[in-house]
Amino acid sequence: MSRRVHGTRDDAELALARLRVARHAGQLPQASTSAVTVGSLLDRYVEEAQVGRVQLRPKTLVTARSAARAMSSTRLTSGKAFGDVTLSALTWREIEELYGEMARRGLSAAWVRRCATVLSRALDRGRKYGLLPTNPAKDADRPKLVRTKPYSPAGTAVREALATAQETDPEIADFAAIVANAGMRTSELLGLRWEDVDEEADELHLAWAVTDGGPGIGVVRMQLKRSDWRDVPLTPAALDAIRRRRERRVAASGSVRPQAYVFSGPGVGSSPLRPDRLSERWLAARGGSAVTLLALRHYVATTMLDAGVPYRTVAELLGNSEATLRLHYDGRTNVGKRQAIAALCQG
């Protein structure tokens, strides 16, 4: 086993020491694996995720499959596709070159970072199987992610969008009204069944979500992480939207089964409304408004924070950690800041 080193004699001696440690730990690649390519390792990682040996959520599996294809097809400056690089020749230099080429193709930093995560996990599996002694992706610098403040529409813009949608697609308008008054993720509201609605207590119990797993998997209902389970109180507007939805379901099928989805596809409610179909309908229903369903969730968060509600309480209602909420919304012109400026004016 050998390594080609670009650097000083000290760099070469360090690489030799690492080889000796890897040999002692039984982590040196087998002789028969010298022709194994990065592309074949990525394919193996995705296959293991599909059969459950690697635990990934359906949506994450779709991302991993797309990332593997994107990385394998990216051509380096040498003209070779990254997927054709053999594991024995892979270093952090080729990986950083991959990230650079993907950025030059116009791919966002967020997407390249997702690809980097998939690559690192696949290489960790390869190290486990003895296909390479270390994970070179850990030494490669990932592109930095520039964070931007989330767009939070004004209350008037939200009300106008809901009013426009109510005239063209009442069902989707009711869906959006619940999001705008409770702040849950659209995937969580799609996973809601009538047994999760407590109209006497005026609250929803959120413990499930709907996601599209892609070809071969389709739309599935999956349980949320235990830390995301929560009861969300309903405002009068959200409760009215729930009741209108129940009335339509009773008028269409004569009754409402507890196991039926609140927002369902065609039929008796046994299947949820597809996420892609939901987005298409809201886009058509909102007219010329720029308010998206995600923006409605931002609206809920910022409205509560600007009213002086503690970050912890808002985080519990939205199903976020307090740290995540502060990362996205810290710096809002909240009540405390207004009081501080008012004190200056009085002085």
Protein backbone atom coordinates (compact mmCIF):
# COMPACT_ATOMS: atom_id res chain seq x y z
CA MET A 1 0.00 0.00 0.00
CA SER A 2 1.35 3.41 -0.90
CA ARG A 3 0.29 7.03 -0.91
CA ARG A 4 1.39 9.84 -3.18
CA VAL A 5 2.09 12.96 -1.16
CA HIS A 6 2.24 16.53 -2.46
CA GLY A 7 4.29 18.47 0.05
CA THR A 8 7.35 18.29 2.27
CA ARG A 9 9.25 15.36 3.70
CA ASP A 10 7.37 15.91 6.96
CA ASP A 11 4.08 15.54 5.08
CA ALA A 12 5.31 12.25 3.60
CA GLU A 13 6.40 10.94 7.00
CA LEU A 14 3.01 11.85 8.44
CA ALA A 15 1.24 9.96 5.63
CA LEU A 16 3.50 6.96 6.27
CA ALA A 17 2.65 7.05 9.97
CA ARG A 18 -1.03 7.09 9.16
CA LEU A 19 -0.60 4.06 6.90
CA ARG A 20 1.11 2.19 9.72
CA VAL A 21 -1.68 3.06 12.15
CA ALA A 22 -4.30 1.98 9.59
CA ARG A 23 -2.47 -1.33 9.04
CA HIS A 24 -2.33 -1.94 12.79
CA ALA A 25 -6.09 -1.23 13.07
CA GLY A 26 -6.90 -3.46 10.08
CA GLN A 27 -8.30 -0.53 8.12
CA LEU A 28 -6.13 -0.72 5.01
CA PRO A 29 -8.10 -1.25 1.80
CA GLN A 30 -8.06 -4.74 0.42
CA ALA A 31 -5.96 -5.27 -2.69
CA SER A 32 -9.05 -6.13 -4.72
CA THR A 33 -10.67 -2.76 -3.99
CA SER A 34 -8.15 -0.57 -5.81
CA ALA A 35 -10.51 -0.31 -8.80
CA VAL A 36 -13.56 0.65 -6.70
CA THR A 37 -14.78 4.09 -7.77
CA VAL A 38 -16.47 6.89 -5.88
CA GLY A 39 -19.56 6.43 -8.04
CA SER A 40 -19.92 2.76 -7.13
CA LEU A 41 -19.54 3.61 -3.44
CA LEU A 42 -22.25 6.28 -3.68
CA ASP A 43 -24.53 3.81 -5.45
CA ARG A 44 -23.91 1.28 -2.71
CA TYR A 45 -24.72 3.84 -0.04
CA VAL A 46 -28.04 4.71 -1.71
CA GLU A 47 -28.90 1.01 -2.13
CA GLU A 48 -28.23 0.37 1.56
CA ALA A 49 -30.48 3.30 2.44
CA GLN A 50 -33.25 1.91 0.22
CA VAL A 51 -33.22 -1.48 1.99
CA GLY A 52 -32.93 0.06 5.45
CA ARG A 53 -29.34 -0.76 6.39
CA VAL A 54 -28.74 2.99 6.47
CA GLN A 55 -31.57 4.76 8.28
CA LEU A 56 -32.80 7.71 6.23
CA ARG A 57 -36.19 9.37 6.11
CA PRO A 58 -37.98 9.08 2.74
CA LYS A 59 -37.34 12.71 1.80
CA THR A 60 -33.69 12.43 2.86
CA LEU A 61 -33.34 9.33 0.70
CA VAL A 62 -34.59 11.31 -2.30
CA THR A 63 -31.96 13.97 -1.56
CA ALA A 64 -29.22 11.34 -1.22
CA ARG A 65 -30.15 9.75 -4.55
CA SER A 66 -30.14 13.10 -6.35
CA ALA A 67 -26.89 14.17 -4.70
CA ALA A 68 -25.16 10.93 -5.68
CA ARG A 69 -26.16 11.42 -9.33
CA ALA A 70 -25.09 15.07 -9.33
CA MET A 71 -21.67 14.34 -7.84
CA SER A 72 -20.92 11.31 -9.98
CA SER A 73 -21.67 13.20 -13.20
CA THR A 74 -19.63 16.31 -12.32
CA ARG A 75 -16.45 16.52 -14.37
CA LEU A 76 -13.22 17.69 -12.81
CA THR A 77 -10.65 19.88 -14.57
CA SER A 78 -8.88 16.74 -15.76
CA GLY A 79 -11.98 15.82 -17.75
CA LYS A 80 -12.70 12.76 -15.62
CA ALA A 81 -16.10 12.43 -14.00
CA PHE A 82 -15.88 12.53 -10.21
CA GLY A 83 -17.75 9.24 -10.02
CA ASP A 84 -14.95 7.55 -12.02
CA VAL A 85 -12.23 8.52 -9.52
CA THR A 86 -10.95 5.41 -7.74
CA LEU A 87 -11.11 5.40 -3.97
CA SER A 88 -7.40 4.66 -3.74
CA ALA A 89 -6.67 7.95 -5.56
CA LEU A 90 -9.27 10.10 -3.79
CA THR A 91 -7.98 12.93 -1.60
CA TRP A 92 -9.42 16.11 -0.18
CA ARG A 93 -8.09 17.96 -3.24
CA GLU A 94 -10.41 16.11 -5.65
CA ILE A 95 -13.30 16.65 -3.25
CA GLU A 96 -12.71 20.38 -2.96
CA GLU A 97 -12.39 20.52 -6.73
CA LEU A 98 -15.78 18.79 -6.95
CA TYR A 99 -17.35 21.44 -4.71
CA GLY A 100 -15.80 24.19 -6.82
CA GLU A 101 -17.01 22.72 -10.11
CA MET A 102 -20.54 22.33 -8.73
CA ALA A 103 -20.51 25.97 -7.62
CA ARG A 104 -19.30 27.08 -11.06
CA ARG A 105 -22.24 25.22 -12.59
CA GLY A 106 -24.52 27.53 -10.64
CA LEU A 107 -25.55 25.10 -7.89
CA SER A 108 -26.34 26.79 -4.60
CA ALA A 109 -24.06 26.54 -1.58
CA ALA A 110 -26.88 24.88 0.36
CA TRP A 111 -27.19 22.11 -2.25
CA VAL A 112 -23.42 21.58 -2.45
CA ARG A 113 -23.33 21.24 1.34
CA ARG A 114 -26.08 18.62 1.19
CA CYS A 115 -24.04 16.74 -1.42
CA ALA A 116 -21.00 17.03 0.84
CA THR A 117 -22.94 15.43 3.68
CA VAL A 118 -23.99 12.50 1.47
CA LEU A 119 -20.42 12.04 0.23
CA SER A 120 -18.96 12.09 3.73
CA ARG A 121 -21.47 9.52 4.99
CA ALA A 122 -20.82 7.26 1.99
CA LEU A 123 -17.06 7.48 2.54
CA ASP A 124 -17.56 6.64 6.21
CA ARG A 125 -19.36 3.47 5.09
CA GLY A 126 -16.48 2.72 2.73
CA ARG A 127 -14.00 3.12 5.57
CA LYS A 128 -16.08 0.75 7.66
CA TYR A 129 -15.93 -1.86 4.90
CA GLY A 130 -12.15 -1.47 4.53
CA LEU A 131 -12.34 0.24 1.14
CA LEU A 132 -10.24 3.21 2.31
CA PRO A 133 -8.28 3.92 5.50
CA THR A 134 -9.70 7.37 6.28
CA ASN A 135 -12.47 9.68 5.16
CA PRO A 136 -10.85 12.41 3.03
CA ALA A 137 -14.09 14.43 2.97
CA LYS A 138 -13.46 15.40 6.59
CA ASP A 139 -10.38 17.35 5.50
CA ALA A 140 -12.12 19.11 2.59
CA ASP A 141 -13.53 22.62 3.10
CA ARG A 142 -17.20 22.89 2.30
CA PRO A 143 -18.65 26.06 0.76
CA LYS A 144 -19.88 28.55 3.31
CA LEU A 145 -23.61 29.04 3.59
CA VAL A 146 -24.74 32.65 3.56
CA ARG A 147 -27.82 32.90 5.74
CA THR A 148 -30.55 35.39 4.94
CA LYS A 149 -33.42 36.58 7.08
CA PRO A 150 -36.65 34.72 6.29
CA TYR A 151 -39.30 36.71 4.47
CA SER A 152 -42.19 37.46 6.78
CA PRO A 153 -45.18 39.12 5.08
CA ALA A 154 -47.19 41.87 6.71
CA GLY A 155 -50.56 41.05 8.20
CA THR A 156 -52.40 42.91 5.44
CA ALA A 157 -50.61 40.84 2.76
CA VAL A 158 -51.56 37.61 4.55
CA ARG A 159 -55.20 38.60 4.85
CA GLU A 160 -55.38 39.66 1.19
CA ALA A 161 -53.84 36.35 0.04
CA LEU A 162 -56.28 34.33 2.15
CA ALA A 163 -59.26 36.35 0.90
CA THR A 164 -58.20 35.85 -2.73
CA ALA A 165 -57.73 32.11 -2.22
CA GLN A 166 -61.11 31.78 -0.49
CA GLU A 167 -62.81 32.96 -3.69
CA THR A 168 -60.98 30.52 -6.00
CA ASP A 169 -60.11 27.44 -3.89
CA PRO A 170 -61.83 27.41 -0.46
CA GLU A 171 -60.21 24.14 0.64
CA ILE A 172 -56.67 25.43 0.08
CA ALA A 173 -57.65 28.77 1.62
CA ASP A 174 -58.71 26.92 4.79
CA PHE A 175 -55.43 24.99 4.77
CA ALA A 176 -53.47 28.25 4.53
CA ALA A 177 -55.62 29.87 7.21
CA ILE A 178 -54.70 27.12 9.68
CA VAL A 179 -51.00 27.54 8.88
CA ALA A 180 -51.30 31.32 9.28
CA ASN A 181 -52.96 30.93 12.68
CA ALA A 182 -51.01 28.01 14.12
CA GLY A 183 -47.64 28.00 12.35
CA MET A 184 -47.21 24.26 11.83
CA ARG A 185 -45.26 22.90 8.87
CA THR A 186 -47.36 22.07 5.81
CA SER A 187 -46.13 18.45 5.98
CA GLU A 188 -47.49 18.22 9.55
CA LEU A 189 -50.88 19.61 8.57
CA LEU A 190 -51.05 17.20 5.61
CA GLY A 191 -50.42 14.32 8.04
CA LEU A 192 -53.26 15.42 10.34
CA ARG A 193 -56.18 13.01 10.76
CA TRP A 194 -59.55 13.78 12.31
CA GLU A 195 -58.63 11.74 15.39
CA ASP A 196 -55.85 14.30 16.00
CA VAL A 197 -58.32 17.21 16.12
CA ASP A 198 -59.80 18.09 19.53
CA GLU A 199 -62.50 20.63 18.82
CA GLU A 200 -63.65 20.68 22.44
CA ALA A 201 -60.20 21.71 23.64
CA ASP A 202 -59.63 23.80 20.49
CA GLU A 203 -56.28 22.19 19.71
CA LEU A 204 -54.46 19.90 17.29
CA HIS A 205 -52.17 17.05 18.26
CA LEU A 206 -49.20 16.94 15.89
CA ALA A 207 -47.16 13.74 15.78
CA TRP A 208 -47.14 12.81 12.09
CA ALA A 209 -46.12 14.33 8.76
CA VAL A 210 -46.58 13.51 5.09
CA THR A 211 -43.65 13.46 2.67
CA ASP A 212 -43.03 12.38 -0.91
CA GLY A 213 -40.38 9.67 -0.99
CA GLY A 214 -39.97 9.83 -4.76
CA PRO A 215 -40.18 7.04 -7.38
CA GLY A 216 -40.75 3.61 -5.92
CA ILE A 217 -41.82 4.99 -2.55
CA GLY A 218 -44.48 7.61 -3.18
CA VAL A 219 -46.29 9.68 -0.56
CA VAL A 220 -45.93 8.29 2.96
CA ARG A 221 -47.06 9.30 6.44
CA MET A 222 -44.21 9.17 8.92
CA GLN A 223 -44.06 9.76 12.64
CA LEU A 224 -42.27 12.89 13.80
CA LYS A 225 -39.35 12.81 16.17
CA ARG A 226 -40.60 12.54 19.74
CA SER A 227 -39.23 16.00 20.49
CA ASP A 228 -41.50 17.44 17.75
CA TRP A 229 -44.74 16.00 19.16
CA ARG A 230 -46.89 18.84 20.46
CA ASP A 231 -50.40 20.12 21.07
CA VAL A 232 -51.15 23.38 19.24
CA PRO A 233 -54.04 25.60 20.43
CA LEU A 234 -56.35 26.88 17.72
CA THR A 235 -57.39 30.48 17.20
CA PRO A 236 -61.07 31.12 16.35
CA ALA A 237 -60.07 31.62 12.68
CA ALA A 238 -58.23 28.28 12.57
CA LEU A 239 -61.11 26.53 14.33
CA ASP A 240 -63.57 27.97 11.80
CA ALA A 241 -61.39 26.61 8.96
CA ILE A 242 -61.39 23.15 10.58
CA ARG A 243 -65.17 23.21 10.95
CA ARG A 244 -65.67 24.29 7.33
CA ARG A 245 -63.48 21.41 6.25
CA ARG A 246 -65.56 18.98 8.35
CA GLU A 247 -68.80 20.29 6.86
CA ARG A 248 -67.49 19.77 3.32
CA ARG A 249 -66.38 16.23 4.16
CA VAL A 250 -69.78 15.36 5.66
CA ALA A 251 -71.54 16.82 2.64
CA ALA A 252 -69.36 14.78 0.27
CA SER A 253 -69.32 11.39 2.03
CA GLY A 254 -72.01 11.58 4.73
CA SER A 255 -69.62 11.16 7.67
CA VAL A 256 -66.10 11.75 8.91
CA ARG A 257 -64.00 8.75 9.87
CA PRO A 258 -61.47 9.32 12.71
CA GLN A 259 -58.69 7.75 10.58
CA ALA A 260 -59.43 9.93 7.54
CA TYR A 261 -57.08 12.76 6.67
CA VAL A 262 -58.33 16.28 7.31
CA PHE A 263 -56.91 17.39 3.96
CA SER A 264 -57.17 14.35 1.75
CA GLY A 265 -56.93 13.34 -1.86
CA PRO A 266 -59.87 12.00 -3.87
CA GLY A 267 -62.16 9.46 -2.20
CA VAL A 268 -63.17 8.94 1.41
CA GLY A 269 -60.06 10.49 2.93
CA SER A 270 -57.88 7.42 3.22
CA SER A 271 -54.97 9.08 1.40
CA PRO A 272 -53.47 12.52 2.08
CA LEU A 273 -53.30 15.41 -0.32
CA ARG A 274 -50.02 15.23 -2.24
CA PRO A 275 -47.44 17.87 -1.20
CA ASP A 276 -46.70 18.85 -4.82
CA ARG A 277 -50.40 19.17 -5.59
CA LEU A 278 -50.86 21.35 -2.51
CA SER A 279 -48.14 23.76 -3.65
CA GLU A 280 -49.61 23.98 -7.16
CA ARG A 281 -53.08 24.76 -5.84
CA TRP A 282 -51.89 27.43 -3.42
CA LEU A 283 -49.82 29.08 -6.17
CA ALA A 284 -52.91 29.23 -8.37
CA ALA A 285 -55.26 30.29 -5.57
CA ARG A 286 -53.21 33.17 -4.12
CA GLY A 287 -53.28 35.12 -7.40
CA GLY A 288 -50.59 37.75 -7.69
CA SER A 289 -49.63 37.55 -4.02
CA ALA A 290 -46.03 36.69 -3.11
CA VAL A 291 -47.08 35.00 0.14
CA THR A 292 -45.99 31.35 0.17
CA LEU A 293 -47.06 28.68 2.63
CA LEU A 294 -43.59 28.83 4.20
CA ALA A 295 -43.92 32.61 4.50
CA LEU A 296 -47.11 32.06 6.51
CA ARG A 297 -45.10 30.06 9.05
CA HIS A 298 -42.56 32.90 9.21
CA TYR A 299 -45.45 35.30 9.71
CA VAL A 300 -46.65 33.37 12.75
CA ALA A 301 -43.16 33.27 14.29
CA THR A 302 -42.39 36.96 13.78
CA THR A 303 -45.84 38.12 14.89
CA MET A 304 -45.48 36.25 18.18
CA LEU A 305 -41.91 37.43 18.75
CA ASP A 306 -42.78 41.05 17.97
CA ALA A 307 -45.58 40.82 20.53
CA GLY A 308 -43.03 39.91 23.20
CA VAL A 309 -43.72 36.15 23.40
CA PRO A 310 -40.57 34.38 24.71
CA TYR A 311 -38.45 32.50 22.18
CA ARG A 312 -38.90 29.26 24.11
CA THR A 313 -42.70 29.43 23.91
CA VAL A 314 -42.69 30.22 20.20
CA ALA A 315 -40.21 27.39 19.59
CA GLU A 316 -42.46 24.92 21.40
CA LEU A 317 -45.47 25.97 19.33
CA LEU A 318 -43.61 25.74 16.01
CA GLY A 319 -41.78 22.51 16.77
CA ASN A 320 -38.32 24.09 16.62
CA SER A 321 -35.51 24.22 19.09
CA GLU A 322 -34.99 27.59 20.73
CA ALA A 323 -31.49 27.74 19.24
CA THR A 324 -32.85 27.22 15.72
CA LEU A 325 -35.50 29.88 16.23
CA ARG A 326 -32.91 32.39 17.44
CA LEU A 327 -30.69 31.58 14.48
CA HIS A 328 -33.47 32.50 12.05
CA TYR A 329 -35.29 35.29 13.84
CA ASP A 330 -32.86 36.89 16.29
CA GLY A 331 -32.64 40.60 15.63
CA ARG A 332 -36.39 41.16 15.24
CA THR A 333 -37.67 44.57 16.32
CA ASN A 334 -39.43 43.08 19.33
CA VAL A 335 -41.19 44.71 22.28
CA GLY A 336 -38.04 44.82 24.39
CA LYS A 337 -36.17 46.81 21.74
CA ARG A 338 -39.05 49.22 21.32
CA GLN A 339 -39.14 49.78 25.08
CA ALA A 340 -35.40 50.38 25.13
CA ILE A 341 -35.65 53.03 22.40
CA ALA A 342 -38.67 54.59 24.11
CA ALA A 343 -36.60 54.96 27.27
CA LEU A 344 -33.99 56.90 25.30
CA CYS A 345 -36.65 59.19 23.88
CA GLN A 346 -38.04 59.90 27.34
CA GLY A 347 -34.55 60.65 28.63
